[in-house]
Full PDB file with SEQRES, HELIX, SHEET, SSBOND, CRYST1, ORIGX, SCALE, CONECT and MASTER records, all heavy atoms in Angstrom:
SEQRES   1 A   34  LEU LEU ALA ASP LYS VAL HIS VAL GLY CYS ALA ARG GLY          
SEQRES   2 A   34  VAL ASP ALA LEU GLY ARG GLU LEU ALA ALA SER ASN GLY          
SEQRES   3 A   34  LYS LEU LEU VAL VAL HIS GLU THR                              
HELIX    1 AA1 VAL A   14  SER A   24  1                                  11    
SHEET    1 AA1 2 LYS A   5  GLY A   9  0                                        
SHEET    2 AA1 2 LEU A  28  HIS A  32  1                                        
CRYST1    1.000    1.000    1.000  90.00  90.00  90.00 P 1           1          
ORIGX1      1.000000  0.000000  0.000000        0.00000                         
ORIGX2      0.000000  1.000000  0.000000        0.00000                         
ORIGX3      0.000000  0.000000  1.000000        0.00000                         
SCALE1      1.000000  0.000000  0.000000        0.00000                         
SCALE2      0.000000  1.000000  0.000000        0.00000                         
SCALE3      0.000000  0.000000  1.000000        0.00000                         
ATOM      1  N   LEU A   1      -0.822 226.507  60.782  1.00  0.00           N  
ATOM      2  CA  LEU A   1      -0.128 225.750  61.834  1.00  0.00           C  
ATOM      3  C   LEU A   1       1.317 226.184  61.982  1.00  0.00           C  
ATOM      4  O   LEU A   1       1.823 226.324  63.091  1.00  0.00           O  
ATOM      5  CB  LEU A   1      -0.197 224.251  61.554  1.00  0.00           C  
ATOM      6  CG  LEU A   1      -1.525 223.564  61.802  1.00  0.00           C  
ATOM      7  CD1 LEU A   1      -1.445 222.096  61.369  1.00  0.00           C  
ATOM      8  CD2 LEU A   1      -1.928 223.670  63.264  1.00  0.00           C  
ATOM      9  N   LEU A   2       2.010 226.385  60.877  1.00  0.00           N  
ATOM     10  CA  LEU A   2       3.432 226.706  60.918  1.00  0.00           C  
ATOM     11  C   LEU A   2       3.723 228.194  60.808  1.00  0.00           C  
ATOM     12  O   LEU A   2       4.862 228.615  60.975  1.00  0.00           O  
ATOM     13  CB  LEU A   2       4.167 225.963  59.796  1.00  0.00           C  
ATOM     14  CG  LEU A   2       4.118 224.440  59.872  1.00  0.00           C  
ATOM     15  CD1 LEU A   2       4.808 223.823  58.671  1.00  0.00           C  
ATOM     16  CD2 LEU A   2       4.734 223.942  61.167  1.00  0.00           C  
ATOM     17  N   ALA A   3       2.705 228.992  60.520  1.00  0.00           N  
ATOM     18  CA  ALA A   3       2.920 230.432  60.327  1.00  0.00           C  
ATOM     19  C   ALA A   3       3.059 231.147  61.667  1.00  0.00           C  
ATOM     20  O   ALA A   3       2.369 230.838  62.633  1.00  0.00           O  
ATOM     21  CB  ALA A   3       1.759 231.031  59.550  1.00  0.00           C  
ATOM     22  N   ASP A   4       3.975 232.108  61.697  1.00  0.00           N  
ATOM     23  CA  ASP A   4       4.105 232.991  62.852  1.00  0.00           C  
ATOM     24  C   ASP A   4       3.435 234.333  62.582  1.00  0.00           C  
ATOM     25  O   ASP A   4       2.879 234.949  63.481  1.00  0.00           O  
ATOM     26  CB  ASP A   4       5.590 233.239  63.162  1.00  0.00           C  
ATOM     27  CG  ASP A   4       6.331 231.963  63.490  1.00  0.00           C  
ATOM     28  OD1 ASP A   4       5.886 231.244  64.412  1.00  0.00           O  
ATOM     29  OD2 ASP A   4       7.339 231.675  62.818  1.00  0.00           O  
ATOM     30  N   LYS A   5       3.536 234.768  61.326  1.00  0.00           N  
ATOM     31  CA  LYS A   5       3.019 236.082  60.937  1.00  0.00           C  
ATOM     32  C   LYS A   5       2.215 235.935  59.655  1.00  0.00           C  
ATOM     33  O   LYS A   5       2.628 235.227  58.730  1.00  0.00           O  
ATOM     34  CB  LYS A   5       4.185 237.050  60.722  1.00  0.00           C  
ATOM     35  CG  LYS A   5       3.781 238.473  60.453  1.00  0.00           C  
ATOM     36  CD  LYS A   5       5.034 239.356  60.402  1.00  0.00           C  
ATOM     37  CE  LYS A   5       4.707 240.822  60.294  1.00  0.00           C  
ATOM     38  NZ  LYS A   5       5.951 241.639  60.263  1.00  0.00           N  
ATOM     39  N   VAL A   6       1.073 236.632  59.609  1.00  0.00           N  
ATOM     40  CA  VAL A   6       0.161 236.513  58.468  1.00  0.00           C  
ATOM     41  C   VAL A   6      -0.146 237.907  57.922  1.00  0.00           C  
ATOM     42  O   VAL A   6      -0.571 238.792  58.666  1.00  0.00           O  
ATOM     43  CB  VAL A   6      -1.156 235.817  58.880  1.00  0.00           C  
ATOM     44  CG1 VAL A   6      -2.125 235.745  57.711  1.00  0.00           C  
ATOM     45  CG2 VAL A   6      -0.875 234.431  59.442  1.00  0.00           C  
ATOM     46  N   HIS A   7       0.062 238.064  56.626  1.00  0.00           N  
ATOM     47  CA  HIS A   7      -0.326 239.289  55.911  1.00  0.00           C  
ATOM     48  C   HIS A   7      -1.595 238.969  55.130  1.00  0.00           C  
ATOM     49  O   HIS A   7      -1.667 237.937  54.454  1.00  0.00           O  
ATOM     50  CB  HIS A   7       0.762 239.715  54.916  1.00  0.00           C  
ATOM     51  CG  HIS A   7       1.994 240.236  55.559  1.00  0.00           C  
ATOM     52  ND1 HIS A   7       2.191 241.567  55.816  1.00  0.00           N  
ATOM     53  CD2 HIS A   7       3.109 239.591  56.002  1.00  0.00           C  
ATOM     54  CE1 HIS A   7       3.374 241.742  56.375  1.00  0.00           C  
ATOM     55  NE2 HIS A   7       3.958 240.554  56.509  1.00  0.00           N  
ATOM     56  N   VAL A   8      -2.571 239.859  55.206  1.00  0.00           N  
ATOM     57  CA  VAL A   8      -3.837 239.631  54.507  1.00  0.00           C  
ATOM     58  C   VAL A   8      -4.476 240.984  54.205  1.00  0.00           C  
ATOM     59  O   VAL A   8      -4.207 241.979  54.886  1.00  0.00           O  
ATOM     60  CB  VAL A   8      -4.771 238.718  55.347  1.00  0.00           C  
ATOM     61  CG1 VAL A   8      -5.235 239.394  56.608  1.00  0.00           C  
ATOM     62  CG2 VAL A   8      -5.929 238.201  54.531  1.00  0.00           C  
ATOM     63  N   GLY A   9      -5.329 240.995  53.194  1.00  0.00           N  
ATOM     64  CA  GLY A   9      -6.024 242.218  52.814  1.00  0.00           C  
ATOM     65  C   GLY A   9      -7.269 242.456  53.649  1.00  0.00           C  
ATOM     66  O   GLY A   9      -7.605 241.704  54.566  1.00  0.00           O  
ATOM     67  N   CYS A  10      -7.977 243.531  53.292  1.00  0.00           N  
ATOM     68  CA  CYS A  10      -9.124 243.997  54.065  1.00  0.00           C  
ATOM     69  C   CYS A  10     -10.468 243.622  53.437  1.00  0.00           C  
ATOM     70  O   CYS A  10     -11.513 244.068  53.917  1.00  0.00           O  
ATOM     71  CB  CYS A  10      -9.041 245.518  54.216  1.00  0.00           C  
ATOM     72  SG  CYS A  10      -9.002 246.393  52.632  1.00  0.00           S  
ATOM     73  N   ALA A  11     -10.470 242.804  52.404  1.00  0.00           N  
ATOM     74  CA  ALA A  11     -11.707 242.480  51.691  1.00  0.00           C  
ATOM     75  C   ALA A  11     -12.505 241.383  52.393  1.00  0.00           C  
ATOM     76  O   ALA A  11     -12.044 240.755  53.348  1.00  0.00           O  
ATOM     77  CB  ALA A  11     -11.375 242.057  50.257  1.00  0.00           C  
ATOM     78  N   ARG A  12     -13.698 241.160  51.865  1.00  0.00           N  
ATOM     79  CA  ARG A  12     -14.523 240.050  52.348  1.00  0.00           C  
ATOM     80  C   ARG A  12     -14.024 238.764  51.687  1.00  0.00           C  
ATOM     81  O   ARG A  12     -13.048 238.773  50.966  1.00  0.00           O  
ATOM     82  CB  ARG A  12     -16.002 240.315  52.037  1.00  0.00           C  
ATOM     83  CG  ARG A  12     -16.348 240.327  50.578  1.00  0.00           C  
ATOM     84  CD  ARG A  12     -17.824 240.697  50.330  1.00  0.00           C  
ATOM     85  NE  ARG A  12     -18.191 240.481  48.951  1.00  0.00           N  
ATOM     86  CZ  ARG A  12     -17.966 241.320  47.964  1.00  0.00           C  
ATOM     87  NH1 ARG A  12     -17.337 242.454  48.197  1.00  0.00           N  
ATOM     88  NH2 ARG A  12     -18.334 241.035  46.740  1.00  0.00           N  
ATOM     89  N   GLY A  13     -14.672 237.659  51.957  1.00  0.00           N  
ATOM     90  CA  GLY A  13     -14.301 236.394  51.332  1.00  0.00           C  
ATOM     91  C   GLY A  13     -13.075 235.776  51.967  1.00  0.00           C  
ATOM     92  O   GLY A  13     -12.994 235.646  53.197  1.00  0.00           O  
ATOM     93  N   VAL A  14     -12.105 235.405  51.142  1.00  0.00           N  
ATOM     94  CA  VAL A  14     -10.899 234.734  51.630  1.00  0.00           C  
ATOM     95  C   VAL A  14     -10.129 235.625  52.601  1.00  0.00           C  
ATOM     96  O   VAL A  14      -9.645 235.143  53.626  1.00  0.00           O  
ATOM     97  CB  VAL A  14     -10.005 234.284  50.457  1.00  0.00           C  
ATOM     98  CG1 VAL A  14      -8.648 233.793  50.952  1.00  0.00           C  
ATOM     99  CG2 VAL A  14     -10.694 233.185  49.650  1.00  0.00           C  
ATOM    100  N   ASP A  15     -10.028 236.917  52.306  1.00  0.00           N  
ATOM    101  CA  ASP A  15      -9.329 237.825  53.229  1.00  0.00           C  
ATOM    102  C   ASP A  15      -9.963 237.774  54.614  1.00  0.00           C  
ATOM    103  O   ASP A  15      -9.266 237.668  55.627  1.00  0.00           O  
ATOM    104  CB  ASP A  15      -9.371 239.269  52.726  1.00  0.00           C  
ATOM    105  CG  ASP A  15      -8.437 239.553  51.561  1.00  0.00           C  
ATOM    106  OD1 ASP A  15      -7.822 238.612  51.024  1.00  0.00           O  
ATOM    107  OD2 ASP A  15      -8.334 240.735  51.189  1.00  0.00           O  
ATOM    108  N   ALA A  16     -11.291 237.854  54.664  1.00  0.00           N  
ATOM    109  CA  ALA A  16     -11.995 237.837  55.950  1.00  0.00           C  
ATOM    110  C   ALA A  16     -11.752 236.522  56.690  1.00  0.00           C  
ATOM    111  O   ALA A  16     -11.532 236.518  57.912  1.00  0.00           O  
ATOM    112  CB  ALA A  16     -13.490 238.067  55.750  1.00  0.00           C  
ATOM    113  N   LEU A  17     -11.775 235.408  55.969  1.00  0.00           N  
ATOM    114  CA  LEU A  17     -11.494 234.113  56.604  1.00  0.00           C  
ATOM    115  C   LEU A  17     -10.063 234.074  57.125  1.00  0.00           C  
ATOM    116  O   LEU A  17      -9.806 233.560  58.220  1.00  0.00           O  
ATOM    117  CB  LEU A  17     -11.731 232.974  55.617  1.00  0.00           C  
ATOM    118  CG  LEU A  17     -13.174 232.706  55.218  1.00  0.00           C  
ATOM    119  CD1 LEU A  17     -13.234 231.666  54.106  1.00  0.00           C  
ATOM    120  CD2 LEU A  17     -13.993 232.258  56.416  1.00  0.00           C  
ATOM    121  N   GLY A  18      -9.125 234.601  56.352  1.00  0.00           N  
ATOM    122  CA  GLY A  18      -7.733 234.644  56.794  1.00  0.00           C  
ATOM    123  C   GLY A  18      -7.568 235.461  58.065  1.00  0.00           C  
ATOM    124  O   GLY A  18      -6.866 235.047  58.991  1.00  0.00           O  
ATOM    125  N   ARG A  19      -8.226 236.631  58.109  1.00  0.00           N  
ATOM    126  CA  ARG A  19      -8.135 237.467  59.316  1.00  0.00           C  
ATOM    127  C   ARG A  19      -8.734 236.739  60.512  1.00  0.00           C  
ATOM    128  O   ARG A  19      -8.145 236.720  61.599  1.00  0.00           O  
ATOM    129  CB  ARG A  19      -8.865 238.803  59.092  1.00  0.00           C  
ATOM    130  CG  ARG A  19      -8.186 239.708  58.083  1.00  0.00           C  
ATOM    131  CD  ARG A  19      -8.797 241.097  58.047  1.00  0.00           C  
ATOM    132  NE  ARG A  19     -10.246 241.128  57.877  1.00  0.00           N  
ATOM    133  CZ  ARG A  19     -10.878 241.189  56.700  1.00  0.00           C  
ATOM    134  NH1 ARG A  19     -10.182 241.189  55.569  1.00  0.00           N  
ATOM    135  NH2 ARG A  19     -12.200 241.251  56.654  1.00  0.00           N  
ATOM    136  N   GLU A  20      -9.903 236.139  60.315  1.00  0.00           N  
ATOM    137  CA  GLU A  20     -10.590 235.430  61.401  1.00  0.00           C  
ATOM    138  C   GLU A  20      -9.739 234.286  61.951  1.00  0.00           C  
ATOM    139  O   GLU A  20      -9.528 234.176  63.163  1.00  0.00           O  
ATOM    140  CB  GLU A  20     -11.926 234.890  60.891  1.00  0.00           C  
ATOM    141  CG  GLU A  20     -12.652 233.974  61.844  1.00  0.00           C  
ATOM    142  CD  GLU A  20     -13.770 233.191  61.165  1.00  0.00           C  
ATOM    143  OE1 GLU A  20     -14.420 233.724  60.244  1.00  0.00           O  
ATOM    144  OE2 GLU A  20     -13.986 232.036  61.565  1.00  0.00           O  
ATOM    145  N   LEU A  21      -9.237 233.446  61.058  1.00  0.00           N  
ATOM    146  CA  LEU A  21      -8.500 232.263  61.506  1.00  0.00           C  
ATOM    147  C   LEU A  21      -7.121 232.618  62.069  1.00  0.00           C  
ATOM    148  O   LEU A  21      -6.678 231.992  63.034  1.00  0.00           O  
ATOM    149  CB  LEU A  21      -8.385 231.257  60.360  1.00  0.00           C  
ATOM    150  CG  LEU A  21      -9.711 230.616  59.944  1.00  0.00           C  
ATOM    151  CD1 LEU A  21      -9.546 229.813  58.662  1.00  0.00           C  
ATOM    152  CD2 LEU A  21     -10.268 229.739  61.054  1.00  0.00           C  
ATOM    153  N   ALA A  22      -6.461 233.610  61.481  1.00  0.00           N  
ATOM    154  CA  ALA A  22      -5.158 234.023  62.033  1.00  0.00           C  
ATOM    155  C   ALA A  22      -5.334 234.580  63.440  1.00  0.00           C  
ATOM    156  O   ALA A  22      -4.566 234.240  64.347  1.00  0.00           O  
ATOM    157  CB  ALA A  22      -4.502 235.055  61.118  1.00  0.00           C  
ATOM    158  N   ALA A  23      -6.339 235.424  63.625  1.00  0.00           N  
ATOM    159  CA  ALA A  23      -6.578 236.012  64.951  1.00  0.00           C  
ATOM    160  C   ALA A  23      -6.962 234.941  65.964  1.00  0.00           C  
ATOM    161  O   ALA A  23      -6.446 234.936  67.095  1.00  0.00           O  
ATOM    162  CB  ALA A  23      -7.663 237.085  64.865  1.00  0.00           C  
ATOM    163  N   SER A  24      -7.829 234.018  65.572  1.00  0.00           N  
ATOM    164  CA  SER A  24      -8.281 232.997  66.520  1.00  0.00           C  
ATOM    165  C   SER A  24      -7.173 231.992  66.860  1.00  0.00           C  
ATOM    166  O   SER A  24      -7.259 231.311  67.876  1.00  0.00           O  
ATOM    167  CB  SER A  24      -9.521 232.272  65.998  1.00  0.00           C  
ATOM    168  OG  SER A  24      -9.207 231.490  64.862  1.00  0.00           O  
ATOM    169  N   ASN A  25      -6.132 231.933  66.014  1.00  0.00           N  
ATOM    170  CA  ASN A  25      -4.999 231.048  66.284  1.00  0.00           C  
ATOM    171  C   ASN A  25      -3.811 231.793  66.881  1.00  0.00           C  
ATOM    172  O   ASN A  25      -2.715 231.241  66.978  1.00  0.00           O  
ATOM    173  CB  ASN A  25      -4.585 230.321  65.001  1.00  0.00           C  
ATOM    174  CG  ASN A  25      -5.537 229.188  64.666  1.00  0.00           C  
ATOM    175  OD1 ASN A  25      -5.498 228.137  65.293  1.00  0.00           O  
ATOM    176  ND2 ASN A  25      -6.417 229.421  63.708  1.00  0.00           N  
ATOM    177  N   GLY A  26      -4.018 233.043  67.274  1.00  0.00           N  
ATOM    178  CA  GLY A  26      -2.981 233.805  67.953  1.00  0.00           C  
ATOM    179  C   GLY A  26      -1.793 234.189  67.098  1.00  0.00           C  
ATOM    180  O   GLY A  26      -0.696 234.407  67.616  1.00  0.00           O  
ATOM    181  N   LYS A  27      -1.978 234.295  65.800  1.00  0.00           N  
ATOM    182  CA  LYS A  27      -0.872 234.661  64.903  1.00  0.00           C  
ATOM    183  C   LYS A  27      -0.712 236.180  64.872  1.00  0.00           C  
ATOM    184  O   LYS A  27      -1.670 236.930  65.035  1.00  0.00           O  
ATOM    185  CB  LYS A  27      -1.134 234.147  63.479  1.00  0.00           C  
ATOM    186  CG  LYS A  27      -1.389 232.654  63.396  1.00  0.00           C  
ATOM    187  CD  LYS A  27      -0.221 231.854  63.950  1.00  0.00           C  
ATOM    188  CE  LYS A  27      -0.515 230.360  63.907  1.00  0.00           C  
ATOM    189  NZ  LYS A  27       0.601 229.570  64.412  1.00  0.00           N  
ATOM    190  N   LEU A  28       0.507 236.623  64.651  1.00  0.00           N  
ATOM    191  CA  LEU A  28       0.765 238.039  64.428  1.00  0.00           C  
ATOM    192  C   LEU A  28       0.114 238.385  63.094  1.00  0.00           C  
ATOM    193  O   LEU A  28       0.448 237.804  62.063  1.00  0.00           O  
ATOM    194  CB  LEU A  28       2.265 238.299  64.397  1.00  0.00           C  
ATOM    195  CG  LEU A  28       2.720 239.726  64.136  1.00  0.00           C  
ATOM    196  CD1 LEU A  28       2.126 240.685  65.176  1.00  0.00           C  
ATOM    197  CD2 LEU A  28       4.236 239.796  64.164  1.00  0.00           C  
ATOM    198  N   LEU A  29      -0.824 239.313  63.114  1.00  0.00           N  
ATOM    199  CA  LEU A  29      -1.655 239.599  61.940  1.00  0.00           C  
ATOM    200  C   LEU A  29      -1.401 241.017  61.453  1.00  0.00           C  
ATOM    201  O   LEU A  29      -1.483 241.972  62.230  1.00  0.00           O  
ATOM    202  CB  LEU A  29      -3.132 239.422  62.315  1.00  0.00           C  
ATOM    203  CG  LEU A  29      -4.175 239.715  61.251  1.00  0.00           C  
ATOM    204  CD1 LEU A  29      -4.011 238.784  60.051  1.00  0.00           C  
ATOM    205  CD2 LEU A  29      -5.577 239.552  61.850  1.00  0.00           C  
ATOM    206  N   VAL A  30      -1.096 241.142  60.166  1.00  0.00           N  
ATOM    207  CA  VAL A  30      -0.931 242.437  59.522  1.00  0.00           C  
ATOM    208  C   VAL A  30      -2.016 242.550  58.461  1.00  0.00           C  
ATOM    209  O   VAL A  30      -2.029 241.779  57.501  1.00  0.00           O  
ATOM    210  CB  VAL A  30       0.464 242.586  58.874  1.00  0.00           C  
ATOM    211  CG1 VAL A  30       0.590 243.944  58.201  1.00  0.00           C  
ATOM    212  CG2 VAL A  30       1.559 242.370  59.901  1.00  0.00           C  
ATOM    213  N   VAL A  31      -2.940 243.494  58.662  1.00  0.00           N  
ATOM    214  CA  VAL A  31      -4.033 243.696  57.709  1.00  0.00           C  
ATOM    215  C   VAL A  31      -3.661 244.877  56.821  1.00  0.00           C  
ATOM    216  O   VAL A  31      -3.391 245.974  57.311  1.00  0.00           O  
ATOM    217  CB  VAL A  31      -5.371 243.958  58.433  1.00  0.00           C  
ATOM    218  CG1 VAL A  31      -6.481 244.204  57.417  1.00  0.00           C  
ATOM    219  CG2 VAL A  31      -5.720 242.792  59.347  1.00  0.00           C  
ATOM    220  N   HIS A  32      -3.648 244.633  55.533  1.00  0.00           N  
ATOM    221  CA  HIS A  32      -3.320 245.666  54.554  1.00  0.00           C  
ATOM    222  C   HIS A  32      -4.620 246.291  54.064  1.00  0.00           C  
ATOM    223  O   HIS A  32      -5.456 245.623  53.467  1.00  0.00           O  
ATOM    224  CB  HIS A  32      -2.510 245.068  53.399  1.00  0.00           C  
ATOM    225  CG  HIS A  32      -1.182 244.556  53.854  1.00  0.00           C  
ATOM    226  ND1 HIS A  32      -0.036 245.319  53.814  1.00  0.00           N  
ATOM    227  CD2 HIS A  32      -0.829 243.361  54.405  1.00  0.00           C  
ATOM    228  CE1 HIS A  32       0.971 244.609  54.303  1.00  0.00           C  
ATOM    229  NE2 HIS A  32       0.519 243.425  54.669  1.00  0.00           N  
ATOM    230  N   GLU A  33      -4.754 247.568  54.358  1.00  0.00           N  
ATOM    231  CA  GLU A  33      -5.975 248.310  54.025  1.00  0.00           C  
ATOM    232  C   GLU A  33      -5.866 248.937  52.641  1.00  0.00           C  
ATOM    233  O   GLU A  33      -4.772 249.217  52.161  1.00  0.00           O  
ATOM    234  CB  GLU A  33      -6.205 249.418  55.058  1.00  0.00           C  
ATOM    235  CG  GLU A  33      -6.332 248.930  56.491  1.00  0.00           C  
ATOM    236  CD  GLU A  33      -7.656 248.274  56.817  1.00  0.00           C  
ATOM    237  OE1 GLU A  33      -8.628 248.458  56.043  1.00  0.00           O  
ATOM    238  OE2 GLU A  33      -7.726 247.580  57.840  1.00  0.00           O  
ATOM    239  N   THR A  34      -7.022 249.185  52.038  1.00  0.00           N  
ATOM    240  CA  THR A  34      -7.078 249.887  50.768  1.00  0.00           C  
ATOM    241  C   THR A  34      -7.627 251.289  50.999  1.00  0.00           C  
ATOM    242  O   THR A  34      -8.339 251.522  51.979  1.00  0.00           O  
ATOM    243  CB  THR A  34      -7.951 249.123  49.746  1.00  0.00           C  
ATOM    244  OG1 THR A  34      -7.903 249.804  48.499  1.00  0.00           O  
ATOM    245  CG2 THR A  34      -9.385 248.997  50.196  1.00  0.00           C  
TER     246      THR A  34                                                      
MASTER        0    0    0    1    2    0    0    6  245    1    0    3          
END                                                                             
């Protein structure tokens, strides 16, 4: 709710949920790849 920018990894599980929810909420998303 309060985040403007979200950093998250490229894995499944929590990372995948973070990417999904950040994108669907219009947040600036930075995905860190391995």
